[in-house]
Amino acid sequence: MPFKRKSRGRSKGSKGSGGTVQCGGCGQLVPRDKAKKSTRRVTLVDSQLAKELRQKGTYIASSFDTTYYCISCAVHRGIVKVRAEKERHMRPRRF
């Protein structure tokens, strides 16, 4: 049976079976190496108040919130774009 992608949509290589994570959009269980990771910075302080506090020289702590998405939710939210058939087999270049 033919396959669409060289990696079959996974980034595990020859590691064997990996763990699963739950999609933040639909709740589906997805293999960790296949899921798309979205990290964002979260602070507990309101942005207007944080701006005033920073002017006074206050340090405002923030934490990182990591969410995993299945491919269909990642495409729906715009985290991953749909690529043309010829581009699917090529790796995007990183600088």
Protein backbone atom coordinates (compact mmCIF):
# COMPACT_ATOMS: atom_id res chain seq x y z
CA MET A 1 0.00 0.00 0.00
CA PRO A 2 1.45 3.40 -0.96
CA PHE A 3 2.17 6.01 1.69
CA LYS A 4 1.79 9.77 1.54
CA ARG A 5 4.77 10.83 3.62
CA LYS A 6 8.31 9.51 3.96
CA SER A 7 8.01 9.48 7.76
CA ARG A 8 4.37 8.33 7.71
CA GLY A 9 3.51 11.44 9.74
CA ARG A 10 5.71 10.58 12.71
CA SER A 11 9.04 11.78 14.03
CA LYS A 12 10.09 8.76 16.08
CA GLY A 13 12.62 7.24 13.66
CA SER A 14 13.49 3.78 15.01
CA LYS A 15 12.72 4.43 18.68
CA GLY A 16 9.98 1.85 18.97
CA SER A 17 6.63 2.61 20.53
CA GLY A 18 6.27 6.05 22.13
CA GLY A 19 3.84 7.40 24.68
CA THR A 20 0.51 9.02 24.00
CA VAL A 21 -0.81 12.49 24.83
CA GLN A 22 -4.32 13.89 24.83
CA CYS A 23 -5.28 16.47 22.21
CA GLY A 24 -6.14 19.87 23.69
CA GLY A 25 -8.85 20.44 21.10
CA CYS A 26 -10.86 17.25 20.81
CA GLY A 27 -9.49 15.01 23.58
CA GLN A 28 -8.28 12.27 21.22
CA LEU A 29 -5.29 10.15 22.34
CA VAL A 30 -2.43 10.81 19.90
CA PRO A 31 1.11 9.38 19.80
CA ARG A 32 3.50 11.96 21.28
CA ASP A 33 5.75 12.00 18.23
CA LYS A 34 2.82 12.58 15.88
CA ALA A 35 1.12 15.33 17.92
CA LYS A 36 1.89 19.00 17.32
CA LYS A 37 3.16 20.84 20.39
CA SER A 38 2.07 24.42 21.07
CA THR A 39 3.82 26.34 23.85
CA ARG A 40 2.74 29.74 25.10
CA ARG A 41 3.74 31.98 27.97
CA VAL A 42 1.12 32.53 30.67
CA THR A 43 1.17 35.14 33.40
CA LEU A 44 -1.21 35.54 36.31
CA VAL A 45 -1.12 39.35 36.19
CA ASP A 46 -3.40 41.45 33.95
CA SER A 47 -1.51 43.01 31.02
CA GLN A 48 -2.38 46.61 31.98
CA LEU A 49 -1.29 46.07 35.57
CA ALA A 50 1.84 44.22 34.43
CA LYS A 51 2.88 47.19 32.28
CA GLU A 52 2.62 49.57 35.25
CA LEU A 53 4.48 47.18 37.53
CA ARG A 54 7.30 46.75 35.01
CA GLN A 55 7.76 50.52 34.84
CA LYS A 56 8.29 50.52 38.61
CA GLY A 57 10.94 47.79 38.22
CA THR A 58 8.99 44.77 39.47
CA TYR A 59 9.83 41.26 38.27
CA ILE A 60 6.71 39.45 37.04
CA ALA A 61 6.95 35.67 36.96
CA SER A 62 5.40 33.72 34.12
CA SER A 63 5.08 30.06 33.29
CA PHE A 64 4.91 28.10 30.05
CA ASP A 65 1.73 26.26 29.08
CA THR A 66 2.31 23.36 26.69
CA THR A 67 -0.63 21.92 24.76
CA TYR A 68 -0.55 19.03 22.31
CA TYR A 69 -2.90 18.89 19.30
CA CYS A 70 -3.81 16.10 16.90
CA ILE A 71 -3.16 16.85 13.22
CA SER A 72 -6.77 17.71 12.37
CA CYS A 73 -7.09 20.18 15.27
CA ALA A 74 -3.67 21.69 14.47
CA VAL A 75 -4.74 22.30 10.87
CA HIS A 76 -8.05 23.76 12.04
CA ARG A 77 -6.30 26.17 14.45
CA GLY A 78 -3.66 27.19 11.89
CA ILE A 79 -0.67 25.69 13.75
CA VAL A 80 0.13 23.49 10.72
CA LYS A 81 -0.55 24.39 7.10
CA VAL A 82 -1.67 21.93 4.43
CA ARG A 83 1.20 21.42 1.97
CA ALA A 84 1.13 20.49 -1.71
CA GLU A 85 1.74 16.85 -2.65
CA LYS A 86 5.32 17.44 -3.85
CA GLU A 87 6.22 19.44 -0.73
CA ARG A 88 5.02 16.71 1.66
CA HIS A 89 8.05 14.50 1.01
CA MET A 90 10.52 17.40 1.41
CA ARG A 91 11.62 18.66 4.80
CA PRO A 92 11.22 22.41 5.42
CA ARG A 93 14.58 24.18 5.73
CA ARG A 94 15.40 25.80 9.06
CA PHE A 95 17.84 28.64 9.37
